[in-house]
Amino acid sequence: MDRRLLLQLSLASIFLGVAPGVASANTAERPRRLQLGDTVGLVAPASVTYESLQLQIALEALDAMGLKAKVGPHVMDRFGYLAGEDKDRASDINAAFADPEIDAVFALRGGWGASRLLPFLDFDLIAKNPKIFLGYSDITSLLNAIYAKAGVVTFHGPNVMSRWNEFTYQGMRDVLFNGKSSTYSNPEVIDDDLVARKHRIQTINAGKATGHLIGGNLTLMSALIGTPYFPDARGAILFLEDVGEAIYRVDRMMTQLKLSGVLGQVSGIVFGHFTGVKPNPGLGNFALMDILEQHCKPLGVPCYFGAMIGHVEEQSTVPIGVAAEMDAGAGLLRLLEPAVR
């Protein structure tokens, strides 16, 4: 490409508000799908794991999936509440992407500390060696940063130390092994009752929307705002979940998404589970749905709450950077393309 054409493309991207090289749904690189016998690089980007038994259980889970494991050298390090020094934890991730023997990279657990690694990740190396990167909770910052800076599709789904029940495992296999354009819907559980009480969908704004998927843990997404690592939100379907937060904190983080302009850019919002988020006693307090409706109803874009995403035992694996469509009235999210090649 000659320099004049390159300059024209760069200027056009600036006027359109997109920096050259920033990932979009059309340009994101899809990693190779998993196959039986593949090797997973196991990394610990966030909190410390104190008991070796937890690592052993994680290795047995990977073996039960038909996968081999290559454990990062710093996975069992301890640095305060972190799984080792920032540069060491980041070096395990960089090494896993560079290692030709490793086919995918899975996070052992979440907690806190993954965002501290962002200045130390080699995004050029990751872009040249696209691989499945799977995790959730605190790993949200890495998933969105890799998509934004390296242009590689990543996967918000169970950490290896998660509980691998049939719903969670089969959902992961459909996306990562089978390359399905999955439809995400909630299982109906009635139990010993006349109506279903678990896994209920609550529609905030009915309607349908399409867009590339971004999102994850609300705390981490709000913390990425104003950094180079927040993905392009224009026309995106944003999915959000959280755990153990006070409702006023959810309000504060949604306000941050609003004031930063993110909420005004998205085509739709899918809320997963907000586990353990309950109002304090008292007649003057807001419920969680009050806050979500206050922020989302004025947007006029499709929004619904209750998807099987986040800190919930039956957990979906949702790709970041892949085109999808949502139907807020029906509580459905569907991939429009495979997330792996």
Foldseek 3Di string as FASTA:
>chain_A
DDPVVVVVVQVVCVVVVHHPPFAFLVQFDFAAFDDQAAEEEEAALFFADADVVLVVQLQVLCVVVNYHYDYQPQNRDDDPGTSDDLLSRQVSVLVLLQDPRHAAYFYQAHDGHNLVNVVNHDLCSCLVRPHEYEEADNCLLVQQQSCGNNSYKYKYAHGSSAADDPLRVVQCCVQRPVLHQDKFDFDFDQDPHPHGDPLDKFWLAFDKAKGFEGEGELVSQLVCPPPSRHHDLAQYEYEYEAEDDELVVVLVSLVSCVVSCNLLRYQEYEYAYHYPHAYDDDPPTDGNVVSVNVSNVVSNHTYMYRTQDDDDNNHHMDMGSFMWMDGSVRNMITTPGRSHD
